[in-house]
């Protein structure tokens, strides 16, 4: 039996420097460039995004989306 978060073991970011996914705010969206490349190739990107939206994470590149992009999805869900 696998755990609910077993998908994390398959994540493309596993073993990467966590700082890539939480860049300094002064870098703006360009700070996420390297993280986006990793997320694009990730076989469990959808699982990661689903979990980030469920927890309403407010920081970092998760599921291939920035905090601002995820917040927009959450707001849209609340208004529909």
Foldseek 3Di string as FASTA:
>chain_A
DDDPVPLVVQQLCVPPDCCLFFDDCVCPPVSVVVVLVRLVPTPCLVVFLVVCLVVLDQGTQTSNDGSVVSVVVNVVVVVD
